[in-house]
Amino acid sequence: MVVKLASLARLSFTEAEQESIKADLQKMIAFVQKMDEVDTENVEPLLHLVGQQNQWRADVVQGSCTKTEALQNASKHNEDFFLVPTVIQK
């Protein structure tokens, strides 16, 4: 199974690494099987974390700040844009 998964993922492992991965997979499978022991007979499925769902607000046009107001607290800016450090080098 480890060899098949490695092949599908286009990975290669030594024999020692395969044994280590096999042991880890067995631990994971044992953990999941342990969860089968929990009695969930009278437990309803959790579909949403809160009791509400699809609470949409009305799509109403509201005022916004001007470009000048938006840029006034920026540490670096020109007349149109925020200036940030270069992240991607060409």
PDB file of N, CA and C in Angstrom:
ATOM      1  N   MET A   1       0.821  -1.188   0.000  1.00  0.00           N
ATOM      2  CA  MET A   1       0.000   0.000   0.000  1.00  0.00           C
ATOM      3  C   MET A   1       0.874   1.264   0.000  1.00  0.00           C
ATOM      4  N   VAL A   2       1.949   1.243   0.796  1.00  0.00           N
ATOM      5  CA  VAL A   2       2.849   2.400   0.851  1.00  0.00           C
ATOM      6  C   VAL A   2       3.487   2.625  -0.514  1.00  0.00           C
ATOM      7  N   VAL A   3       3.896   1.551  -1.171  1.00  0.00           N
ATOM      8  CA  VAL A   3       4.519   1.655  -2.491  1.00  0.00           C
ATOM      9  C   VAL A   3       3.522   2.216  -3.495  1.00  0.00           C
ATOM     10  N   LYS A   4       2.272   1.778  -3.428  1.00  0.00           N
ATOM     11  CA  LYS A   4       1.247   2.261  -4.357  1.00  0.00           C
ATOM     12  C   LYS A   4       0.972   3.748  -4.118  1.00  0.00           C
ATOM     13  N   LEU A   5       0.824   4.146  -2.850  1.00  0.00           N
ATOM     14  CA  LEU A   5       0.592   5.558  -2.539  1.00  0.00           C
ATOM     15  C   LEU A   5       1.767   6.422  -2.975  1.00  0.00           C
ATOM     16  N   ALA A   6       2.976   5.926  -2.753  1.00  0.00           N
ATOM     17  CA  ALA A   6       4.166   6.679  -3.170  1.00  0.00           C
ATOM     18  C   ALA A   6       4.194   6.832  -4.679  1.00  0.00           C
ATOM     19  N   SER A   7       3.819   5.780  -5.377  1.00  0.00           N
ATOM     20  CA  SER A   7       3.792   5.838  -6.841  1.00  0.00           C
ATOM     21  C   SER A   7       2.760   6.853  -7.325  1.00  0.00           C
ATOM     22  N   LEU A   8       1.588   6.844  -6.724  1.00  0.00           N
ATOM     23  CA  LEU A   8       0.539   7.784  -7.111  1.00  0.00           C
ATOM     24  C   LEU A   8       0.955   9.225  -6.830  1.00  0.00           C
ATOM     25  N   ALA A   9       1.706   9.424  -5.763  1.00  0.00           N
ATOM     26  CA  ALA A   9       2.151  10.766  -5.393  1.00  0.00           C
ATOM     27  C   ALA A   9       3.476  11.129  -6.064  1.00  0.00           C
ATOM     28  N   ARG A  10       3.989  10.215  -6.862  1.00  0.00           N
ATOM     29  CA  ARG A  10       5.267  10.419  -7.555  1.00  0.00           C
ATOM     30  C   ARG A  10       6.403  10.689  -6.559  1.00  0.00           C
ATOM     31  N   LEU A  11       6.425   9.838  -5.496  1.00  0.00           N
ATOM     32  CA  LEU A  11       7.456   9.935  -4.476  1.00  0.00           C
ATOM     33  C   LEU A  11       8.238   8.627  -4.445  1.00  0.00           C
ATOM     34  N   SER A  12       9.452   8.688  -3.969  1.00  0.00           N
ATOM     35  CA  SER A  12      10.228   7.460  -3.799  1.00  0.00           C
ATOM     36  C   SER A  12      10.802   7.458  -2.384  1.00  0.00           C
ATOM     37  N   PHE A  13      10.791   6.276  -1.774  1.00  0.00           N
ATOM     38  CA  PHE A  13      11.250   6.121  -0.406  1.00  0.00           C
ATOM     39  C   PHE A  13      12.187   4.933  -0.307  1.00  0.00           C
ATOM     40  N   THR A  14      13.106   5.000   0.637  1.00  0.00           N
ATOM     41  CA  THR A  14      13.963   3.862   0.927  1.00  0.00           C
ATOM     42  C   THR A  14      13.144   2.836   1.699  1.00  0.00           C
ATOM     43  N   GLU A  15      13.703   1.646   1.866  1.00  0.00           N
ATOM     44  CA  GLU A  15      13.001   0.594   2.622  1.00  0.00           C
ATOM     45  C   GLU A  15      12.731   1.055   4.060  1.00  0.00           C
ATOM     46  N   ALA A  16      13.687   1.731   4.668  1.00  0.00           N
ATOM     47  CA  ALA A  16      13.515   2.202   6.046  1.00  0.00           C
ATOM     48  C   ALA A  16      12.401   3.246   6.129  1.00  0.00           C
ATOM     49  N   GLU A  17      12.369   4.143   5.153  1.00  0.00           N
ATOM     50  CA  GLU A  17      11.316   5.156   5.133  1.00  0.00           C
ATOM     51  C   GLU A  17       9.951   4.518   4.915  1.00  0.00           C
ATOM     52  N   GLN A  18       9.889   3.498   4.057  1.00  0.00           N
ATOM     53  CA  GLN A  18       8.620   2.797   3.811  1.00  0.00           C
ATOM     54  C   GLN A  18       8.107   2.141   5.082  1.00  0.00           C
ATOM     55  N   GLU A  19       9.008   1.539   5.852  1.00  0.00           N
ATOM     56  CA  GLU A  19       8.597   0.900   7.109  1.00  0.00           C
ATOM     57  C   GLU A  19       8.092   1.941   8.104  1.00  0.00           C
ATOM     58  N   SER A  20       8.759   3.083   8.166  1.00  0.00           N
ATOM     59  CA  SER A  20       8.335   4.153   9.063  1.00  0.00           C
ATOM     60  C   SER A  20       6.962   4.683   8.654  1.00  0.00           C
ATOM     61  N   ILE A  21       6.773   4.879   7.361  1.00  0.00           N
ATOM     62  CA  ILE A  21       5.483   5.365   6.853  1.00  0.00           C
ATOM     63  C   ILE A  21       4.398   4.336   7.118  1.00  0.00           C
ATOM     64  N   LYS A  22       4.723   3.073   6.924  1.00  0.00           N
ATOM     65  CA  LYS A  22       3.754   1.994   7.171  1.00  0.00           C
ATOM     66  C   LYS A  22       3.309   2.013   8.636  1.00  0.00           C
ATOM     67  N   ALA A  23       4.263   2.190   9.562  1.00  0.00           N
ATOM     68  CA  ALA A  23       3.919   2.238  10.988  1.00  0.00           C
ATOM     69  C   ALA A  23       3.033   3.441  11.286  1.00  0.00           C
ATOM     70  N   ASP A  24       3.355   4.590  10.683  1.00  0.00           N
ATOM     71  CA  ASP A  24       2.529   5.794  10.890  1.00  0.00           C
ATOM     72  C   ASP A  24       1.125   5.591  10.351  1.00  0.00           C
ATOM     73  N   LEU A  25       0.998   4.985   9.170  1.00  0.00           N
ATOM     74  CA  LEU A  25      -0.331   4.737   8.593  1.00  0.00           C
ATOM     75  C   LEU A  25      -1.138   3.792   9.475  1.00  0.00           C
ATOM     76  N   GLN A  26      -0.476   2.787  10.023  1.00  0.00           N
ATOM     77  CA  GLN A  26      -1.184   1.845  10.905  1.00  0.00           C
ATOM     78  C   GLN A  26      -1.692   2.557  12.160  1.00  0.00           C
ATOM     79  N   LYS A  27      -0.902   3.488  12.692  1.00  0.00           N
ATOM     80  CA  LYS A  27      -1.345   4.256  13.861  1.00  0.00           C
ATOM     81  C   LYS A  27      -2.557   5.120  13.507  1.00  0.00           C
ATOM     82  N   MET A  28      -2.538   5.730  12.326  1.00  0.00           N
ATOM     83  CA  MET A  28      -3.661   6.570  11.904  1.00  0.00           C
ATOM     84  C   MET A  28      -4.931   5.741  11.726  1.00  0.00           C
ATOM     85  N   ILE A  29      -4.781   4.580  11.100  1.00  0.00           N
ATOM     86  CA  ILE A  29      -5.940   3.709  10.881  1.00  0.00           C
ATOM     87  C   ILE A  29      -6.487   3.225  12.213  1.00  0.00           C
ATOM     88  N   ALA A  30      -5.623   2.890  13.152  1.00  0.00           N
ATOM     89  CA  ALA A  30      -6.064   2.453  14.478  1.00  0.00           C
ATOM     90  C   ALA A  30      -6.820   3.570  15.183  1.00  0.00           C
ATOM     91  N   PHE A  31      -6.360   4.804  15.035  1.00  0.00           N
ATOM     92  CA  PHE A  31      -7.044   5.947  15.650  1.00  0.00           C
ATOM     93  C   PHE A  31      -8.443   6.118  15.075  1.00  0.00           C
ATOM     94  N   VAL A  32      -8.566   6.027  13.760  1.00  0.00           N
ATOM     95  CA  VAL A  32      -9.878   6.175  13.117  1.00  0.00           C
ATOM     96  C   VAL A  32     -10.796   5.034  13.538  1.00  0.00           C
ATOM     97  N   GLN A  33     -10.262   3.825  13.624  1.00  0.00           N
ATOM     98  CA  GLN A  33     -11.076   2.688  14.051  1.00  0.00           C
ATOM     99  C   GLN A  33     -11.525   2.855  15.503  1.00  0.00           C
ATOM    100  N   LYS A  34     -10.696   3.472  16.323  1.00  0.00           N
ATOM    101  CA  LYS A  34     -11.054   3.719  17.718  1.00  0.00           C
ATOM    102  C   LYS A  34     -12.286   4.627  17.802  1.00  0.00           C
ATOM    103  N   MET A  35     -12.414   5.548  16.869  1.00  0.00           N
ATOM    104  CA  MET A  35     -13.568   6.450  16.858  1.00  0.00           C
ATOM    105  C   MET A  35     -14.864   5.701  16.564  1.00  0.00           C
ATOM    106  N   ASP A  36     -14.785   4.534  15.917  1.00  0.00           N
ATOM    107  CA  ASP A  36     -15.984   3.731  15.669  1.00  0.00           C
ATOM    108  C   ASP A  36     -16.608   3.218  16.963  1.00  0.00           C
ATOM    109  N   GLU A  37     -15.846   3.198  18.056  1.00  0.00           N
ATOM    110  CA  GLU A  37     -16.349   2.700  19.329  1.00  0.00           C
ATOM    111  C   GLU A  37     -17.268   3.696  20.029  1.00  0.00           C
ATOM    112  N   VAL A  38     -17.251   4.952  19.606  1.00  0.00           N
ATOM    113  CA  VAL A  38     -18.065   5.974  20.245  1.00  0.00           C
ATOM    114  C   VAL A  38     -19.525   5.782  19.860  1.00  0.00           C
ATOM    115  N   ASP A  39     -20.401   5.811  20.876  1.00  0.00           N
ATOM    116  CA  ASP A  39     -21.831   5.653  20.628  1.00  0.00           C
ATOM    117  C   ASP A  39     -22.411   6.977  20.121  1.00  0.00           C
ATOM    118  N   THR A  40     -22.850   6.990  18.891  1.00  0.00           N
ATOM    119  CA  THR A  40     -23.428   8.193  18.287  1.00  0.00           C
ATOM    120  C   THR A  40     -24.891   7.959  17.900  1.00  0.00           C
ATOM    121  N   GLU A  41     -25.518   7.020  18.561  1.00  0.00           N
ATOM    122  CA  GLU A  41     -26.889   6.618  18.200  1.00  0.00           C
ATOM    123  C   GLU A  41     -27.871   7.786  18.239  1.00  0.00           C
ATOM    124  N   ASN A  42     -27.854   8.582  19.305  1.00  0.00           N
ATOM    125  CA  ASN A  42     -28.830   9.662  19.459  1.00  0.00           C
ATOM    126  C   ASN A  42     -28.226  11.042  19.228  1.00  0.00           C
ATOM    127  N   VAL A  43     -27.159  11.114  18.469  1.00  0.00           N
ATOM    128  CA  VAL A  43     -26.490  12.382  18.195  1.00  0.00           C
ATOM    129  C   VAL A  43     -26.840  12.823  16.782  1.00  0.00           C
ATOM    130  N   GLU A  44     -27.385  14.028  16.678  1.00  0.00           N
ATOM    131  CA  GLU A  44     -27.732  14.527  15.352  1.00  0.00           C
ATOM    132  C   GLU A  44     -26.486  15.031  14.643  1.00  0.00           C
ATOM    133  N   PRO A  45     -26.440  14.880  13.331  1.00  0.00           N
ATOM    134  CA  PRO A  45     -25.270  15.369  12.586  1.00  0.00           C
ATOM    135  C   PRO A  45     -25.121  16.878  12.727  1.00  0.00           C
ATOM    136  N   LEU A  46     -23.887  17.337  12.807  1.00  0.00           N
ATOM    137  CA  LEU A  46     -23.600  18.761  12.902  1.00  0.00           C
ATOM    138  C   LEU A  46     -23.442  19.311  11.488  1.00  0.00           C
ATOM    139  N   LEU A  47     -24.406  20.099  11.071  1.00  0.00           N
ATOM    140  CA  LEU A  47     -24.354  20.682   9.737  1.00  0.00           C
ATOM    141  C   LEU A  47     -23.782  22.084   9.761  1.00  0.00           C
ATOM    142  N   HIS A  48     -24.065  22.830  10.824  1.00  0.00           N
ATOM    143  CA  HIS A  48     -23.581  24.198  10.967  1.00  0.00           C
ATOM    144  C   HIS A  48     -23.148  24.402  12.416  1.00  0.00           C
ATOM    145  N   LEU A  49     -22.113  25.183  12.617  1.00  0.00           N
ATOM    146  CA  LEU A  49     -21.631  25.421  13.977  1.00  0.00           C
ATOM    147  C   LEU A  49     -22.583  26.282  14.785  1.00  0.00           C
ATOM    148  N   VAL A  50     -23.347  27.112  14.112  1.00  0.00           N
ATOM    149  CA  VAL A  50     -24.342  27.932  14.789  1.00  0.00           C
ATOM    150  C   VAL A  50     -25.720  27.523  14.287  1.00  0.00           C
ATOM    151  N   GLY A  51     -26.736  27.876  15.035  1.00  0.00           N
ATOM    152  CA  GLY A  51     -28.080  27.470  14.662  1.00  0.00           C
ATOM    153  C   GLY A  51     -28.624  28.184  13.433  1.00  0.00           C
ATOM    154  N   GLN A  52     -27.963  29.245  13.034  1.00  0.00           N
ATOM    155  CA  GLN A  52     -28.450  30.015  11.892  1.00  0.00           C
ATOM    156  C   GLN A  52     -27.695  29.601  10.637  1.00  0.00           C
ATOM    157  N   GLN A  53     -28.348  29.755   9.532  1.00  0.00           N
ATOM    158  CA  GLN A  53     -27.667  29.488   8.268  1.00  0.00           C
ATOM    159  C   GLN A  53     -28.138  30.474   7.209  1.00  0.00           C
ATOM    160  N   ASN A  54     -27.258  30.791   6.301  1.00  0.00           N
ATOM    161  CA  ASN A  54     -27.559  31.704   5.196  1.00  0.00           C
ATOM    162  C   ASN A  54     -28.170  33.023   5.683  1.00  0.00           C
ATOM    163  N   GLN A  55     -27.477  33.647   6.615  1.00  0.00           N
ATOM    164  CA  GLN A  55     -27.926  34.944   7.102  1.00  0.00           C
ATOM    165  C   GLN A  55     -27.342  36.023   6.201  1.00  0.00           C
ATOM    166  N   TRP A  56     -28.049  36.352   5.155  1.00  0.00           N
ATOM    167  CA  TRP A  56     -27.570  37.328   4.186  1.00  0.00           C
ATOM    168  C   TRP A  56     -28.009  38.724   4.580  1.00  0.00           C
ATOM    169  N   ARG A  57     -27.134  39.680   4.426  1.00  0.00           N
ATOM    170  CA  ARG A  57     -27.517  41.063   4.671  1.00  0.00           C
ATOM    171  C   ARG A  57     -28.063  41.629   3.365  1.00  0.00           C
ATOM    172  N   ALA A  58     -28.823  42.669   3.484  1.00  0.00           N
ATOM    173  CA  ALA A  58     -29.359  43.310   2.280  1.00  0.00           C
ATOM    174  C   ALA A  58     -28.203  43.935   1.507  1.00  0.00           C
ATOM    175  N   ASP A  59     -28.227  43.798   0.209  1.00  0.00           N
ATOM    176  CA  ASP A  59     -27.180  44.355  -0.645  1.00  0.00           C
ATOM    177  C   ASP A  59     -27.536  45.803  -0.945  1.00  0.00           C
ATOM    178  N   VAL A  60     -27.109  46.677  -0.027  1.00  0.00           N
ATOM    179  CA  VAL A  60     -27.456  48.080  -0.121  1.00  0.00           C
ATOM    180  C   VAL A  60     -26.177  48.881  -0.346  1.00  0.00           C
ATOM    181  N   VAL A  61     -26.236  49.815  -1.288  1.00  0.00           N
ATOM    182  CA  VAL A  61     -25.087  50.684  -1.534  1.00  0.00           C
ATOM    183  C   VAL A  61     -24.939  51.631  -0.355  1.00  0.00           C
ATOM    184  N   GLN A  62     -23.739  51.669   0.210  1.00  0.00           N
ATOM    185  CA  GLN A  62     -23.489  52.542   1.346  1.00  0.00           C
ATOM    186  C   GLN A  62     -22.307  53.441   1.013  1.00  0.00           C
ATOM    187  N   GLY A  63     -22.169  54.484   1.760  1.00  0.00           N
ATOM    188  CA  GLY A  63     -21.053  55.392   1.554  1.00  0.00           C
ATOM    189  C   GLY A  63     -19.730  54.724   1.876  1.00  0.00           C
ATOM    190  N   SER A  64     -18.674  55.247   1.314  1.00  0.00           N
ATOM    191  CA  SER A  64     -17.343  54.740   1.620  1.00  0.00           C
ATOM    192  C   SER A  64     -16.403  55.928   1.768  1.00  0.00           C
ATOM    193  N   CYS A  65     -15.197  55.649   2.176  1.00  0.00           N
ATOM    194  CA  CYS A  65     -14.257  56.752   2.363  1.00  0.00           C
ATOM    195  C   CYS A  65     -13.649  57.167   1.025  1.00  0.00           C
ATOM    196  N   THR A  66     -13.197  58.359   0.979  1.00  0.00           N
ATOM    197  CA  THR A  66     -12.560  58.864  -0.238  1.00  0.00           C
ATOM    198  C   THR A  66     -11.138  58.331  -0.316  1.00  0.00           C
ATOM    199  N   LYS A  67     -10.520  58.473  -1.469  1.00  0.00           N
ATOM    200  CA  LYS A  67      -9.148  58.021  -1.647  1.00  0.00           C
ATOM    201  C   LYS A  67      -8.223  58.743  -0.671  1.00  0.00           C
ATOM    202  N   THR A  68      -8.429  60.017  -0.496  1.00  0.00           N
ATOM    203  CA  THR A  68      -7.600  60.808   0.425  1.00  0.00           C
ATOM    204  C   THR A  68      -7.743  60.307   1.854  1.00  0.00           C
ATOM    205  N   GLU A  69      -8.983  60.016   2.280  1.00  0.00           N
ATOM    206  CA  GLU A  69      -9.219  59.500   3.628  1.00  0.00           C
ATOM    207  C   GLU A  69      -8.570  58.134   3.814  1.00  0.00           C
ATOM    208  N   ALA A  70      -8.640  57.294   2.791  1.00  0.00           N
ATOM    209  CA  ALA A  70      -8.065  55.963   2.886  1.00  0.00           C
ATOM    210  C   ALA A  70      -6.544  56.018   3.006  1.00  0.00           C
ATOM    211  N   LEU A  71      -5.921  56.966   2.322  1.00  0.00           N
ATOM    212  CA  LEU A  71      -4.460  57.055   2.311  1.00  0.00           C
ATOM    213  C   LEU A  71      -3.871  57.871   3.457  1.00  0.00           C
ATOM    214  N   GLN A  72      -4.705  58.590   4.190  1.00  0.00           N
ATOM    215  CA  GLN A  72      -4.176  59.519   5.186  1.00  0.00           C
ATOM    216  C   GLN A  72      -3.392  58.837   6.307  1.00  0.00           C
ATOM    217  N   ASN A  73      -3.707  57.623   6.689  1.00  0.00           N
ATOM    218  CA  ASN A  73      -2.997  56.936   7.768  1.00  0.00           C
ATOM    219  C   ASN A  73      -1.935  55.964   7.261  1.00  0.00           C
ATOM    220  N   ALA A  74      -1.769  55.862   5.951  1.00  0.00           N
ATOM    221  CA  ALA A  74      -0.767  54.956   5.401  1.00  0.00           C
ATOM    222  C   ALA A  74       0.625  55.497   5.666  1.00  0.00           C
ATOM    223  N   SER A  75       1.545  54.621   6.048  1.00  0.00           N
ATOM    224  CA  SER A  75       2.903  55.086   6.323  1.00  0.00           C
ATOM    225  C   SER A  75       3.602  55.523   5.039  1.00  0.00           C
ATOM    226  N   LYS A  76       3.329  54.846   3.931  1.00  0.00           N
ATOM    227  CA  LYS A  76       3.907  55.244   2.643  1.00  0.00           C
ATOM    228  C   LYS A  76       2.816  55.184   1.583  1.00  0.00           C
ATOM    229  N   HIS A  77       2.725  56.238   0.808  1.00  0.00           N
ATOM    230  CA  HIS A  77       1.757  56.267  -0.281  1.00  0.00           C
ATOM    231  C   HIS A  77       2.128  57.387  -1.236  1.00  0.00           C
ATOM    232  N   ASN A  78       1.595  57.294  -2.452  1.00  0.00           N
ATOM    233  CA  ASN A  78       1.687  58.426  -3.370  1.00  0.00           C
ATOM    234  C   ASN A  78       0.278  58.977  -3.494  1.00  0.00           C
ATOM    235  N   GLU A  79      -0.008  59.764  -4.497  1.00  0.00           N
ATOM    236  CA  GLU A  79      -1.344  60.361  -4.542  1.00  0.00           C
ATOM    237  C   GLU A  79      -2.466  59.368  -4.856  1.00  0.00           C
ATOM    238  N   ASP A  80      -2.104  58.168  -5.367  1.00  0.00           N
ATOM    239  CA  ASP A  80      -3.146  57.216  -5.748  1.00  0.00           C
ATOM    240  C   ASP A  80      -3.110  55.870  -5.018  1.00  0.00           C
ATOM    241  N   PHE A  81      -1.919  55.434  -4.575  1.00  0.00           N
ATOM    242  CA  PHE A  81      -1.790  54.055  -4.095  1.00  0.00           C
ATOM    243  C   PHE A  81      -1.010  53.962  -2.789  1.00  0.00           C
ATOM    244  N   PHE A  82      -1.251  52.855  -2.051  1.00  0.00           N
ATOM    245  CA  PHE A  82      -0.416  52.488  -0.920  1.00  0.00           C
ATOM    246  C   PHE A  82       0.903  51.995  -1.482  1.00  0.00           C
ATOM    247  N   LEU A  83       1.999  52.304  -0.845  1.00  0.00           N
ATOM    248  CA  LEU A  83       3.308  51.810  -1.260  1.00  0.00           C
ATOM    249  C   LEU A  83       3.766  50.766  -0.241  1.00  0.00           C
ATOM    250  N   VAL A  84       4.122  49.587  -0.753  1.00  0.00           N
ATOM    251  CA  VAL A  84       4.555  48.474   0.108  1.00  0.00           C
ATOM    252  C   VAL A  84       5.901  47.963  -0.394  1.00  0.00           C
ATOM    253  N   PRO A  85       6.654  47.268   0.462  1.00  0.00           N
ATOM    254  CA  PRO A  85       7.932  46.718   0.031  1.00  0.00           C
ATOM    255  C   PRO A  85       7.740  45.683  -1.090  1.00  0.00           C
ATOM    256  N   THR A  86       8.717  45.582  -1.960  1.00  0.00           N
ATOM    257  CA  THR A  86       8.674  44.608  -3.044  1.00  0.00           C
ATOM    258  C   THR A  86       8.781  43.210  -2.452  1.00  0.00           C
ATOM    259  N   VAL A  87       7.903  42.325  -2.871  1.00  0.00           N
ATOM    260  CA  VAL A  87       7.891  40.954  -2.373  1.00  0.00           C
ATOM    261  C   VAL A  87       8.448  40.005  -3.424  1.00  0.00           C
ATOM    262  N   ILE A  88       8.067  40.185  -4.652  1.00  0.00           N
ATOM    263  CA  ILE A  88       8.480  39.295  -5.745  1.00  0.00           C
ATOM    264  C   ILE A  88       9.541  39.997  -6.578  1.00  0.00           C
ATOM    265  N   GLN A  89      10.692  39.397  -6.673  1.00  0.00           N
ATOM    266  CA  GLN A  89      11.765  39.946  -7.493  1.00  0.00           C
ATOM    267  C   GLN A  89      11.689  39.348  -8.889  1.00  0.00           C
ATOM    268  N   LYS A  90      11.963  40.124  -9.903  1.00  0.00           N
ATOM    269  CA  LYS A  90      11.950  39.612 -11.277  1.00  0.00           C
ATOM    270  C   LYS A  90      13.274  39.013 -11.632  1.00  0.00           C
TER     271      LYS A  90
END
